Amino acid sequence: MSIASLSATPVTAAASAAAIPAPIRAASQQFEQVFLSKVLSEMFAGVQGDGPLGTAGPGGEIWRSMLTDQFAKQIVAKGGIGLSDQVAHELVRLQESRP
């Protein structure tokens, strides 16, 4: 299998809004949010000390976890990184190819 066969066709915003059912859209956005939360938590893992991303003080790790979750939620709300569009498009394609 070649890399070219794995790449999905880009989905425009207008086409994706009309063609993608709401439950699939919601699930793909949740997937992107979880993915971004994990990426952000790894990115901020090395930050130490005081401040909103530091771990000093009681509950520092919990605070950082909640903050990265909110960052991810806001990124997806503002359009995300395009992952949810590709996931939604692929889910629709897989459903349409079912016998």
N, C-alpha and C. Protein backbone atom coordinates (compact mmCIF):
# COMPACT_ATOMS: atom_id res chain seq x y z
N MET A 1 0.85 -1.17 0.00
CA MET A 1 0.00 0.00 0.00
C MET A 1 0.90 1.23 0.00
N SER A 2 0.64 2.17 -0.87
CA SER A 2 1.47 3.38 -0.96
C SER A 2 0.91 4.49 -0.08
N ILE A 3 1.76 5.46 0.21
CA ILE A 3 1.33 6.60 1.01
C ILE A 3 0.26 7.39 0.27
N ALA A 4 0.36 7.48 -1.02
CA ALA A 4 -0.63 8.22 -1.80
C ALA A 4 -2.03 7.62 -1.64
N SER A 5 -2.11 6.31 -1.50
CA SER A 5 -3.43 5.69 -1.35
C SER A 5 -4.01 5.91 0.04
N LEU A 6 -3.15 6.26 1.01
CA LEU A 6 -3.63 6.51 2.37
C LEU A 6 -4.14 7.92 2.57
N SER A 7 -3.69 8.85 1.77
CA SER A 7 -4.09 10.24 1.99
C SER A 7 -5.54 10.44 1.59
N ALA A 8 -6.25 11.12 2.46
CA ALA A 8 -7.67 11.39 2.22
C ALA A 8 -7.82 12.63 1.37
N THR A 9 -8.91 12.70 0.66
CA THR A 9 -9.21 13.88 -0.13
C THR A 9 -9.57 15.02 0.81
N PRO A 10 -8.99 16.21 0.61
CA PRO A 10 -9.34 17.32 1.50
C PRO A 10 -10.83 17.61 1.45
N VAL A 11 -11.38 17.92 2.60
CA VAL A 11 -12.81 18.19 2.72
C VAL A 11 -12.98 19.68 2.96
N THR A 12 -13.77 20.33 2.12
CA THR A 12 -14.03 21.75 2.33
C THR A 12 -15.06 21.91 3.43
N ALA A 13 -15.07 23.07 4.07
CA ALA A 13 -15.99 23.31 5.19
C ALA A 13 -17.44 23.22 4.74
N ALA A 14 -17.76 23.74 3.57
CA ALA A 14 -19.14 23.72 3.08
C ALA A 14 -19.59 22.29 2.78
N ALA A 15 -18.71 21.52 2.15
CA ALA A 15 -19.07 20.15 1.80
C ALA A 15 -19.17 19.28 3.04
N SER A 16 -18.29 19.49 4.00
CA SER A 16 -18.31 18.65 5.19
C SER A 16 -19.53 18.92 6.06
N ALA A 17 -19.95 20.16 6.16
CA ALA A 17 -21.11 20.50 7.00
C ALA A 17 -22.38 19.86 6.46
N ALA A 18 -22.52 19.80 5.15
CA ALA A 18 -23.73 19.25 4.56
C ALA A 18 -23.71 17.73 4.53
N ALA A 19 -22.55 17.13 4.35
CA ALA A 19 -22.46 15.70 4.13
C ALA A 19 -22.26 14.88 5.40
N ILE A 20 -21.88 15.48 6.49
CA ILE A 20 -21.53 14.73 7.69
C ILE A 20 -22.66 14.83 8.72
N PRO A 21 -23.21 13.70 9.13
CA PRO A 21 -24.26 13.71 10.16
C PRO A 21 -23.72 14.26 11.49
N ALA A 22 -24.59 14.87 12.27
CA ALA A 22 -24.20 15.51 13.52
C ALA A 22 -23.53 14.55 14.51
N PRO A 23 -24.02 13.31 14.68
CA PRO A 23 -23.33 12.42 15.63
C PRO A 23 -21.89 12.10 15.22
N ILE A 24 -21.66 11.94 13.93
CA ILE A 24 -20.30 11.68 13.45
C ILE A 24 -19.43 12.91 13.64
N ARG A 25 -19.98 14.08 13.35
CA ARG A 25 -19.24 15.33 13.54
C ARG A 25 -18.84 15.48 15.01
N ALA A 26 -19.79 15.22 15.93
CA ALA A 26 -19.51 15.36 17.36
C ALA A 26 -18.45 14.37 17.82
N ALA A 27 -18.54 13.13 17.37
CA ALA A 27 -17.56 12.11 17.76
C ALA A 27 -16.18 12.44 17.24
N SER A 28 -16.09 12.93 16.01
CA SER A 28 -14.79 13.26 15.44
C SER A 28 -14.18 14.47 16.14
N GLN A 29 -15.00 15.43 16.56
CA GLN A 29 -14.48 16.57 17.31
C GLN A 29 -14.01 16.16 18.70
N GLN A 30 -14.73 15.23 19.33
CA GLN A 30 -14.29 14.71 20.62
C GLN A 30 -12.95 13.99 20.48
N PHE A 31 -12.79 13.24 19.41
CA PHE A 31 -11.53 12.54 19.15
C PHE A 31 -10.39 13.55 19.01
N GLU A 32 -10.62 14.61 18.23
CA GLU A 32 -9.60 15.63 18.05
C GLU A 32 -9.28 16.32 19.37
N GLN A 33 -10.28 16.55 20.19
CA GLN A 33 -10.06 17.20 21.49
C GLN A 33 -9.20 16.33 22.39
N VAL A 34 -9.47 15.03 22.45
CA VAL A 34 -8.67 14.12 23.26
C VAL A 34 -7.24 14.06 22.74
N PHE A 35 -7.09 13.99 21.43
CA PHE A 35 -5.77 13.95 20.81
C PHE A 35 -4.98 15.21 21.17
N LEU A 36 -5.59 16.38 21.00
CA LEU A 36 -4.90 17.63 21.31
C LEU A 36 -4.58 17.75 22.80
N SER A 37 -5.45 17.27 23.64
CA SER A 37 -5.20 17.30 25.08
C SER A 37 -3.95 16.48 25.42
N LYS A 38 -3.83 15.31 24.81
CA LYS A 38 -2.65 14.47 25.05
C LYS A 38 -1.38 15.13 24.51
N VAL A 39 -1.47 15.73 23.33
CA VAL A 39 -0.32 16.41 22.75
C VAL A 39 0.11 17.58 23.63
N LEU A 40 -0.86 18.37 24.08
CA LEU A 40 -0.54 19.52 24.93
C LEU A 40 0.02 19.08 26.28
N SER A 41 -0.51 18.02 26.85
CA SER A 41 0.00 17.56 28.14
C SER A 41 1.44 17.09 28.02
N GLU A 42 1.79 16.45 26.91
CA GLU A 42 3.18 16.06 26.69
C GLU A 42 4.06 17.28 26.45
N MET A 43 3.53 18.27 25.77
CA MET A 43 4.29 19.48 25.49
C MET A 43 4.62 20.23 26.78
N PHE A 44 3.67 20.27 27.71
CA PHE A 44 3.88 21.00 28.96
C PHE A 44 4.46 20.14 30.08
N ALA A 45 4.77 18.88 29.81
CA ALA A 45 5.25 17.97 30.86
C ALA A 45 6.56 18.44 31.49
N GLY A 46 7.40 19.08 30.75
CA GLY A 46 8.69 19.50 31.28
C GLY A 46 8.67 20.84 31.98
N VAL A 47 7.55 21.54 31.96
CA VAL A 47 7.47 22.86 32.59
C VAL A 47 7.37 22.68 34.10
N GLN A 48 8.27 23.31 34.82
CA GLN A 48 8.30 23.22 36.27
C GLN A 48 8.14 24.61 36.87
N GLY A 49 7.86 24.67 38.14
CA GLY A 49 7.80 25.93 38.85
C GLY A 49 6.40 26.46 39.01
N ASP A 50 6.31 27.73 39.34
CA ASP A 50 5.02 28.39 39.55
C ASP A 50 4.40 28.80 38.23
N GLY A 51 3.19 29.27 38.31
CA GLY A 51 2.50 29.74 37.11
C GLY A 51 1.43 28.76 36.69
N PRO A 52 0.66 29.10 35.69
CA PRO A 52 -0.48 28.27 35.30
C PRO A 52 -0.08 26.89 34.78
N LEU A 53 1.13 26.74 34.24
CA LEU A 53 1.53 25.44 33.72
C LEU A 53 2.55 24.74 34.59
N GLY A 54 2.96 25.38 35.68
CA GLY A 54 3.90 24.77 36.60
C GLY A 54 3.22 23.78 37.50
N THR A 55 4.03 22.98 38.18
CA THR A 55 3.47 21.94 39.05
C THR A 55 3.74 22.23 40.53
N ALA A 56 4.29 23.40 40.82
CA ALA A 56 4.57 23.72 42.21
C ALA A 56 3.25 23.93 42.97
N GLY A 57 3.23 23.50 44.21
CA GLY A 57 2.05 23.69 45.03
C GLY A 57 1.10 22.53 44.96
N PRO A 58 0.14 22.54 45.89
CA PRO A 58 -0.84 21.44 45.92
C PRO A 58 -1.76 21.48 44.70
N GLY A 59 -1.96 20.34 44.11
CA GLY A 59 -2.88 20.24 42.98
C GLY A 59 -2.32 20.73 41.66
N GLY A 60 -1.01 20.93 41.57
CA GLY A 60 -0.41 21.45 40.35
C GLY A 60 -0.66 20.58 39.13
N GLU A 61 -0.52 19.27 39.30
CA GLU A 61 -0.73 18.35 38.18
C GLU A 61 -2.20 18.33 37.76
N ILE A 62 -3.10 18.39 38.72
CA ILE A 62 -4.52 18.40 38.40
C ILE A 62 -4.88 19.68 37.65
N TRP A 63 -4.35 20.80 38.12
CA TRP A 63 -4.60 22.09 37.45
C TRP A 63 -4.10 22.05 36.02
N ARG A 64 -2.89 21.54 35.82
CA ARG A 64 -2.32 21.47 34.47
C ARG A 64 -3.18 20.60 33.57
N SER A 65 -3.66 19.48 34.09
CA SER A 65 -4.52 18.59 33.31
C SER A 65 -5.80 19.29 32.87
N MET A 66 -6.43 20.00 33.80
CA MET A 66 -7.67 20.71 33.45
C MET A 66 -7.40 21.84 32.45
N LEU A 67 -6.27 22.52 32.63
CA LEU A 67 -5.92 23.62 31.73
C LEU A 67 -5.66 23.12 30.31
N THR A 68 -4.91 22.03 30.17
CA THR A 68 -4.65 21.50 28.83
C THR A 68 -5.93 20.98 28.18
N ASP A 69 -6.84 20.41 28.98
CA ASP A 69 -8.14 19.99 28.43
C ASP A 69 -8.92 21.19 27.89
N GLN A 70 -8.90 22.29 28.60
CA GLN A 70 -9.60 23.49 28.14
C GLN A 70 -8.92 24.11 26.91
N PHE A 71 -7.59 24.07 26.88
CA PHE A 71 -6.88 24.54 25.68
C PHE A 71 -7.32 23.73 24.47
N ALA A 72 -7.36 22.41 24.62
CA ALA A 72 -7.76 21.53 23.52
C ALA A 72 -9.19 21.82 23.10
N LYS A 73 -10.07 22.02 24.07
CA LYS A 73 -11.48 22.30 23.77
C LYS A 73 -11.61 23.60 22.98
N GLN A 74 -10.85 24.61 23.34
CA GLN A 74 -10.92 25.89 22.64
C GLN A 74 -10.32 25.80 21.24
N ILE A 75 -9.26 25.04 21.08
CA ILE A 75 -8.66 24.86 19.76
C ILE A 75 -9.66 24.21 18.81
N VAL A 76 -10.34 23.16 19.29
CA VAL A 76 -11.34 22.48 18.46
C VAL A 76 -12.51 23.40 18.16
N ALA A 77 -12.95 24.19 19.15
CA ALA A 77 -14.08 25.12 18.95
C ALA A 77 -13.75 26.18 17.91
N LYS A 78 -12.49 26.52 17.77
CA LYS A 78 -12.08 27.54 16.80
C LYS A 78 -11.70 26.95 15.45
N GLY A 79 -11.95 25.67 15.25
CA GLY A 79 -11.68 25.06 13.95
C GLY A 79 -10.68 23.92 14.00
N GLY A 80 -9.97 23.79 15.10
CA GLY A 80 -9.05 22.67 15.28
C GLY A 80 -7.88 22.68 14.32
N ILE A 81 -7.29 21.52 14.18
CA ILE A 81 -6.13 21.35 13.31
C ILE A 81 -6.49 20.57 12.05
N GLY A 82 -7.76 20.29 11.86
CA GLY A 82 -8.22 19.58 10.68
C GLY A 82 -8.36 18.08 10.86
N LEU A 83 -8.00 17.59 12.02
CA LEU A 83 -8.08 16.15 12.27
C LEU A 83 -9.52 15.66 12.30
N SER A 84 -10.41 16.42 12.93
CA SER A 84 -11.81 15.98 13.03
C SER A 84 -12.47 15.91 11.66
N ASP A 85 -12.12 16.81 10.76
CA ASP A 85 -12.69 16.76 9.40
C ASP A 85 -12.27 15.47 8.69
N GLN A 86 -11.00 15.12 8.82
CA GLN A 86 -10.52 13.91 8.16
C GLN A 86 -11.13 12.66 8.78
N VAL A 87 -11.24 12.63 10.11
CA VAL A 87 -11.84 11.48 10.79
C VAL A 87 -13.31 11.34 10.40
N ALA A 88 -14.04 12.44 10.40
CA ALA A 88 -15.46 12.41 10.03
C ALA A 88 -15.64 11.94 8.60
N HIS A 89 -14.82 12.46 7.70
CA HIS A 89 -14.88 12.07 6.29
C HIS A 89 -14.63 10.57 6.14
N GLU A 90 -13.64 10.07 6.85
CA GLU A 90 -13.31 8.64 6.77
C GLU A 90 -14.43 7.78 7.36
N LEU A 91 -15.04 8.22 8.47
CA LEU A 91 -16.15 7.46 9.05
C LEU A 91 -17.33 7.39 8.09
N VAL A 92 -17.64 8.50 7.44
CA VAL A 92 -18.74 8.50 6.45
C VAL A 92 -18.40 7.59 5.28
N ARG A 93 -17.15 7.64 4.81
CA ARG A 93 -16.74 6.80 3.69
C ARG A 93 -16.85 5.31 4.07
N LEU A 94 -16.44 4.98 5.29
CA LEU A 94 -16.52 3.58 5.72
C LEU A 94 -17.97 3.12 5.84
N GLN A 95 -18.85 3.98 6.33
CA GLN A 95 -20.26 3.61 6.43
C GLN A 95 -20.89 3.43 5.06
N GLU A 96 -20.51 4.28 4.12
CA GLU A 96 -21.08 4.19 2.78
C GLU A 96 -20.59 2.96 2.04
N SER A 97 -19.42 2.46 2.39
CA SER A 97 -18.88 1.29 1.68
C SER A 97 -19.37 -0.03 2.26
N ARG A 98 -20.10 0.02 3.36
CA ARG A 98 -20.64 -1.19 3.96
C ARG A 98 -21.73 -1.79 3.05
N PRO A 99 -21.75 -3.10 2.96
CA PRO A 99 -22.78 -3.74 2.09
C PRO A 99 -24.15 -3.69 2.71
